[in-house]
Amino acid sequence: MSKLSFITFCVEYYAKHINKTSDEVYQYFKQEKVLEFLINDYDDLHGMGMEYLMQMIDEFLGVI
């Protein structure tokens, strides 16, 4: 999976996770530096299960 595909997948899945639009989540990820986190740690993250990844993003954002 390419980094772009991974980012897109994460944005789409997180949007469903928090019941927001993809556009809202993309802007939020951009503002909160989640995109940088996903790109910089791509090698470690892209093989994780989506449920675990959503939890990591929540933790990164301080949601949990």
PDB file of N, CA and C in Angstrom:
ATOM      1  N   MET A   1       0.853  -1.173   0.000  1.00  0.00           N
ATOM      2  CA  MET A   1       0.000   0.000   0.000  1.00  0.00           C
ATOM      3  C   MET A   1       0.898   1.235   0.000  1.00  0.00           C
ATOM      4  N   SER A   2       0.610   2.163  -0.869  1.00  0.00           N
ATOM      5  CA  SER A   2       1.388   3.406  -0.916  1.00  0.00           C
ATOM      6  C   SER A   2       1.039   4.296   0.278  1.00  0.00           C
ATOM      7  N   LYS A   3       1.903   5.249   0.551  1.00  0.00           N
ATOM      8  CA  LYS A   3       1.638   6.185   1.655  1.00  0.00           C
ATOM      9  C   LYS A   3       0.352   6.972   1.403  1.00  0.00           C
ATOM     10  N   LEU A   4       0.141   7.386   0.155  1.00  0.00           N
ATOM     11  CA  LEU A   4      -1.069   8.143  -0.172  1.00  0.00           C
ATOM     12  C   LEU A   4      -2.317   7.299   0.068  1.00  0.00           C
ATOM     13  N   SER A   5      -2.281   6.047  -0.363  1.00  0.00           N
ATOM     14  CA  SER A   5      -3.421   5.150  -0.134  1.00  0.00           C
ATOM     15  C   SER A   5      -3.652   4.939   1.354  1.00  0.00           C
ATOM     16  N   PHE A   6      -2.571   4.795   2.103  1.00  0.00           N
ATOM     17  CA  PHE A   6      -2.669   4.597   3.547  1.00  0.00           C
ATOM     18  C   PHE A   6      -3.297   5.810   4.226  1.00  0.00           C
ATOM     19  N   ILE A   7      -2.834   6.997   3.862  1.00  0.00           N
ATOM     20  CA  ILE A   7      -3.381   8.233   4.433  1.00  0.00           C
ATOM     21  C   ILE A   7      -4.872   8.345   4.110  1.00  0.00           C
ATOM     22  N   THR A   8      -5.210   8.108   2.863  1.00  0.00           N
ATOM     23  CA  THR A   8      -6.611   8.182   2.433  1.00  0.00           C
ATOM     24  C   THR A   8      -7.460   7.197   3.219  1.00  0.00           C
ATOM     25  N   PHE A   9      -6.971   5.980   3.353  1.00  0.00           N
ATOM     26  CA  PHE A   9      -7.687   4.946   4.091  1.00  0.00           C
ATOM     27  C   PHE A   9      -7.891   5.368   5.546  1.00  0.00           C
ATOM     28  N   CYS A  10      -6.835   5.907   6.167  1.00  0.00           N
ATOM     29  CA  CYS A  10      -6.938   6.347   7.559  1.00  0.00           C
ATOM     30  C   CYS A  10      -7.944   7.479   7.728  1.00  0.00           C
ATOM     31  N   VAL A  11      -7.913   8.440   6.821  1.00  0.00           N
ATOM     32  CA  VAL A  11      -8.855   9.563   6.883  1.00  0.00           C
ATOM     33  C   VAL A  11     -10.284   9.047   6.750  1.00  0.00           C
ATOM     34  N   GLU A  12     -10.530   8.197   5.763  1.00  0.00           N
ATOM     35  CA  GLU A  12     -11.877   7.657   5.541  1.00  0.00           C
ATOM     36  C   GLU A  12     -12.351   6.846   6.747  1.00  0.00           C
ATOM     37  N   TYR A  13     -11.496   5.986   7.249  1.00  0.00           N
ATOM     38  CA  TYR A  13     -11.879   5.130   8.362  1.00  0.00           C
ATOM     39  C   TYR A  13     -12.088   5.952   9.639  1.00  0.00           C
ATOM     40  N   TYR A  14     -11.222   6.936   9.873  1.00  0.00           N
ATOM     41  CA  TYR A  14     -11.376   7.769  11.066  1.00  0.00           C
ATOM     42  C   TYR A  14     -12.645   8.620  10.976  1.00  0.00           C
ATOM     43  N   ALA A  15     -12.978   9.043   9.786  1.00  0.00           N
ATOM     44  CA  ALA A  15     -14.219   9.804   9.600  1.00  0.00           C
ATOM     45  C   ALA A  15     -15.424   8.968  10.039  1.00  0.00           C
ATOM     46  N   LYS A  16     -15.426   7.709   9.679  1.00  0.00           N
ATOM     47  CA  LYS A  16     -16.503   6.814  10.125  1.00  0.00           C
ATOM     48  C   LYS A  16     -16.426   6.592  11.628  1.00  0.00           C
ATOM     49  N   HIS A  17     -15.212   6.491  12.132  1.00  0.00           N
ATOM     50  CA  HIS A  17     -14.968   6.254  13.556  1.00  0.00           C
ATOM     51  C   HIS A  17     -15.563   7.370  14.424  1.00  0.00           C
ATOM     52  N   ILE A  18     -15.481   8.615  13.952  1.00  0.00           N
ATOM     53  CA  ILE A  18     -15.988   9.744  14.755  1.00  0.00           C
ATOM     54  C   ILE A  18     -17.236  10.383  14.146  1.00  0.00           C
ATOM     55  N   ASN A  19     -17.768   9.759  13.108  1.00  0.00           N
ATOM     56  CA  ASN A  19     -18.999  10.231  12.476  1.00  0.00           C
ATOM     57  C   ASN A  19     -18.888  11.668  11.950  1.00  0.00           C
ATOM     58  N   LYS A  20     -17.808  11.918  11.217  1.00  0.00           N
ATOM     59  CA  LYS A  20     -17.567  13.208  10.563  1.00  0.00           C
ATOM     60  C   LYS A  20     -17.312  12.954   9.080  1.00  0.00           C
ATOM     61  N   THR A  21     -17.253  14.013   8.296  1.00  0.00           N
ATOM     62  CA  THR A  21     -16.946  13.848   6.880  1.00  0.00           C
ATOM     63  C   THR A  21     -15.442  13.681   6.698  1.00  0.00           C
ATOM     64  N   SER A  22     -15.076  13.112   5.579  1.00  0.00           N
ATOM     65  CA  SER A  22     -13.660  12.937   5.254  1.00  0.00           C
ATOM     66  C   SER A  22     -12.946  14.282   5.160  1.00  0.00           C
ATOM     67  N   ASP A  23     -13.625  15.277   4.594  1.00  0.00           N
ATOM     68  CA  ASP A  23     -13.031  16.612   4.481  1.00  0.00           C
ATOM     69  C   ASP A  23     -12.732  17.208   5.860  1.00  0.00           C
ATOM     70  N   GLU A  24     -13.674  17.048   6.782  1.00  0.00           N
ATOM     71  CA  GLU A  24     -13.464  17.552   8.141  1.00  0.00           C
ATOM     72  C   GLU A  24     -12.276  16.856   8.803  1.00  0.00           C
ATOM     73  N   VAL A  25     -12.213  15.550   8.652  1.00  0.00           N
ATOM     74  CA  VAL A  25     -11.129  14.778   9.269  1.00  0.00           C
ATOM     75  C   VAL A  25      -9.793  15.133   8.635  1.00  0.00           C
ATOM     76  N   TYR A  26      -9.744  15.275   7.320  1.00  0.00           N
ATOM     77  CA  TYR A  26      -8.498  15.640   6.655  1.00  0.00           C
ATOM     78  C   TYR A  26      -7.972  16.974   7.191  1.00  0.00           C
ATOM     79  N   GLN A  27      -8.837  17.964   7.287  1.00  0.00           N
ATOM     80  CA  GLN A  27      -8.425  19.269   7.807  1.00  0.00           C
ATOM     81  C   GLN A  27      -7.974  19.171   9.264  1.00  0.00           C
ATOM     82  N   TYR A  28      -8.685  18.375  10.042  1.00  0.00           N
ATOM     83  CA  TYR A  28      -8.338  18.154  11.451  1.00  0.00           C
ATOM     84  C   TYR A  28      -6.975  17.463  11.559  1.00  0.00           C
ATOM     85  N   PHE A  29      -6.763  16.415  10.750  1.00  0.00           N
ATOM     86  CA  PHE A  29      -5.483  15.710  10.733  1.00  0.00           C
ATOM     87  C   PHE A  29      -4.348  16.647  10.330  1.00  0.00           C
ATOM     88  N   LYS A  30      -4.618  17.491   9.375  1.00  0.00           N
ATOM     89  CA  LYS A  30      -3.603  18.445   8.909  1.00  0.00           C
ATOM     90  C   LYS A  30      -3.262  19.435  10.027  1.00  0.00           C
ATOM     91  N   GLN A  31      -4.271  19.987  10.663  1.00  0.00           N
ATOM     92  CA  GLN A  31      -4.098  20.973  11.734  1.00  0.00           C
ATOM     93  C   GLN A  31      -3.373  20.379  12.941  1.00  0.00           C
ATOM     94  N   GLU A  32      -3.708  19.145  13.282  1.00  0.00           N
ATOM     95  CA  GLU A  32      -3.167  18.521  14.490  1.00  0.00           C
ATOM     96  C   GLU A  32      -1.906  17.687  14.230  1.00  0.00           C
ATOM     97  N   LYS A  33      -1.377  17.760  13.007  1.00  0.00           N
ATOM     98  CA  LYS A  33      -0.132  17.079  12.633  1.00  0.00           C
ATOM     99  C   LYS A  33      -0.249  15.547  12.586  1.00  0.00           C
ATOM    100  N   VAL A  34      -1.482  15.032  12.474  1.00  0.00           N
ATOM    101  CA  VAL A  34      -1.677  13.591  12.356  1.00  0.00           C
ATOM    102  C   VAL A  34      -1.133  13.098  11.021  1.00  0.00           C
ATOM    103  N   LEU A  35      -1.282  13.901   9.971  1.00  0.00           N
ATOM    104  CA  LEU A  35      -0.760  13.502   8.663  1.00  0.00           C
ATOM    105  C   LEU A  35       0.747  13.276   8.737  1.00  0.00           C
ATOM    106  N   GLU A  36       1.453  14.172   9.404  1.00  0.00           N
ATOM    107  CA  GLU A  36       2.901  14.011   9.569  1.00  0.00           C
ATOM    108  C   GLU A  36       3.218  12.732  10.343  1.00  0.00           C
ATOM    109  N   PHE A  37       2.470  12.496  11.398  1.00  0.00           N
ATOM    110  CA  PHE A  37       2.640  11.283  12.205  1.00  0.00           C
ATOM    111  C   PHE A  37       2.461  10.036  11.345  1.00  0.00           C
ATOM    112  N   LEU A  38       1.402  10.005  10.540  1.00  0.00           N
ATOM    113  CA  LEU A  38       1.124   8.841   9.698  1.00  0.00           C
ATOM    114  C   LEU A  38       2.199   8.643   8.632  1.00  0.00           C
ATOM    115  N   ILE A  39       2.682   9.725   8.065  1.00  0.00           N
ATOM    116  CA  ILE A  39       3.723   9.634   7.037  1.00  0.00           C
ATOM    117  C   ILE A  39       5.053   9.211   7.646  1.00  0.00           C
ATOM    118  N   ASN A  40       5.436   9.869   8.737  1.00  0.00           N
ATOM    119  CA  ASN A  40       6.732   9.579   9.367  1.00  0.00           C
ATOM    120  C   ASN A  40       6.820   8.166   9.938  1.00  0.00           C
ATOM    121  N   ASP A  41       5.700   7.650  10.434  1.00  0.00           N
ATOM    122  CA  ASP A  41       5.685   6.314  11.041  1.00  0.00           C
ATOM    123  C   ASP A  41       5.006   5.271  10.154  1.00  0.00           C
ATOM    124  N   TYR A  42       4.915   5.568   8.870  1.00  0.00           N
ATOM    125  CA  TYR A  42       4.236   4.685   7.916  1.00  0.00           C
ATOM    126  C   TYR A  42       4.733   3.247   7.994  1.00  0.00           C
ATOM    127  N   ASP A  43       6.048   3.057   8.029  1.00  0.00           N
ATOM    128  CA  ASP A  43       6.600   1.700   8.023  1.00  0.00           C
ATOM    129  C   ASP A  43       6.103   0.872   9.210  1.00  0.00           C
ATOM    130  N   ASP A  44       5.934   1.498  10.360  1.00  0.00           N
ATOM    131  CA  ASP A  44       5.451   0.793  11.548  1.00  0.00           C
ATOM    132  C   ASP A  44       3.923   0.676  11.579  1.00  0.00           C
ATOM    133  N   LEU A  45       3.227   1.660  11.037  1.00  0.00           N
ATOM    134  CA  LEU A  45       1.777   1.731  11.168  1.00  0.00           C
ATOM    135  C   LEU A  45       0.986   0.968  10.115  1.00  0.00           C
ATOM    136  N   HIS A  46       1.483   0.906   8.894  1.00  0.00           N
ATOM    137  CA  HIS A  46       0.644   0.394   7.813  1.00  0.00           C
ATOM    138  C   HIS A  46       0.290  -1.080   7.946  1.00  0.00           C
ATOM    139  N   GLY A  47       0.992  -1.823   8.776  1.00  0.00           N
ATOM    140  CA  GLY A  47       0.667  -3.229   8.968  1.00  0.00           C
ATOM    141  C   GLY A  47      -0.238  -3.498  10.151  1.00  0.00           C
ATOM    142  N   MET A  48      -0.596  -2.459  10.882  1.00  0.00           N
ATOM    143  CA  MET A  48      -1.427  -2.622  12.077  1.00  0.00           C
ATOM    144  C   MET A  48      -2.896  -2.806  11.706  1.00  0.00           C
ATOM    145  N   GLY A  49      -3.617  -3.404  12.603  1.00  0.00           N
ATOM    146  CA  GLY A  49      -5.056  -3.525  12.434  1.00  0.00           C
ATOM    147  C   GLY A  49      -5.698  -2.155  12.555  1.00  0.00           C
ATOM    148  N   MET A  50      -6.791  -1.973  11.851  1.00  0.00           N
ATOM    149  CA  MET A  50      -7.426  -0.659  11.815  1.00  0.00           C
ATOM    150  C   MET A  50      -7.968  -0.245  13.180  1.00  0.00           C
ATOM    151  N   GLU A  51      -8.481  -1.179  13.960  1.00  0.00           N
ATOM    152  CA  GLU A  51      -8.992  -0.828  15.287  1.00  0.00           C
ATOM    153  C   GLU A  51      -7.872  -0.277  16.168  1.00  0.00           C
ATOM    154  N   TYR A  52      -6.718  -0.941  16.136  1.00  0.00           N
ATOM    155  CA  TYR A  52      -5.563  -0.488  16.909  1.00  0.00           C
ATOM    156  C   TYR A  52      -5.074   0.868  16.400  1.00  0.00           C
ATOM    157  N   LEU A  53      -5.076   1.046  15.095  1.00  0.00           N
ATOM    158  CA  LEU A  53      -4.640   2.304  14.504  1.00  0.00           C
ATOM    159  C   LEU A  53      -5.562   3.459  14.906  1.00  0.00           C
ATOM    160  N   MET A  54      -6.867   3.213  14.929  1.00  0.00           N
ATOM    161  CA  MET A  54      -7.819   4.250  15.360  1.00  0.00           C
ATOM    162  C   MET A  54      -7.552   4.629  16.807  1.00  0.00           C
ATOM    163  N   GLN A  55      -7.225   3.639  17.635  1.00  0.00           N
ATOM    164  CA  GLN A  55      -6.909   3.905  19.040  1.00  0.00           C
ATOM    165  C   GLN A  55      -5.633   4.739  19.149  1.00  0.00           C
ATOM    166  N   MET A  56      -4.629   4.428  18.337  1.00  0.00           N
ATOM    167  CA  MET A  56      -3.380   5.203  18.352  1.00  0.00           C
ATOM    168  C   MET A  56      -3.623   6.649  17.939  1.00  0.00           C
ATOM    169  N   ILE A  57      -4.461   6.853  16.925  1.00  0.00           N
ATOM    170  CA  ILE A  57      -4.770   8.214  16.487  1.00  0.00           C
ATOM    171  C   ILE A  57      -5.521   8.952  17.584  1.00  0.00           C
ATOM    172  N   ASP A  58      -6.483   8.283  18.222  1.00  0.00           N
ATOM    173  CA  ASP A  58      -7.202   8.896  19.357  1.00  0.00           C
ATOM    174  C   ASP A  58      -6.216   9.323  20.442  1.00  0.00           C
ATOM    175  N   GLU A  59      -5.275   8.451  20.772  1.00  0.00           N
ATOM    176  CA  GLU A  59      -4.284   8.767  21.792  1.00  0.00           C
ATOM    177  C   GLU A  59      -3.387   9.934  21.355  1.00  0.00           C
ATOM    178  N   PHE A  60      -2.970   9.925  20.097  1.00  0.00           N
ATOM    179  CA  PHE A  60      -2.145  11.003  19.562  1.00  0.00           C
ATOM    180  C   PHE A  60      -2.875  12.334  19.692  1.00  0.00           C
ATOM    181  N   LEU A  61      -4.171  12.323  19.432  1.00  0.00           N
ATOM    182  CA  LEU A  61      -4.978  13.545  19.497  1.00  0.00           C
ATOM    183  C   LEU A  61      -5.418  13.883  20.921  1.00  0.00           C
ATOM    184  N   GLY A  62      -5.159  12.985  21.862  1.00  0.00           N
ATOM    185  CA  GLY A  62      -5.553  13.243  23.241  1.00  0.00           C
ATOM    186  C   GLY A  62      -7.031  13.005  23.490  1.00  0.00           C
ATOM    187  N   VAL A  63      -7.657  12.220  22.614  1.00  0.00           N
ATOM    188  CA  VAL A  63      -9.087  11.943  22.748  1.00  0.00           C
ATOM    189  C   VAL A  63      -9.335  10.983  23.893  1.00  0.00           C
ATOM    190  N   ILE A  64      -8.406  10.073  24.124  1.00  0.00           N
ATOM    191  CA  ILE A  64      -8.575   9.100  25.204  1.00  0.00           C
ATOM    192  C   ILE A  64      -7.687   9.500  26.361  1.00  0.00           C
TER     193      ILE A  64
END
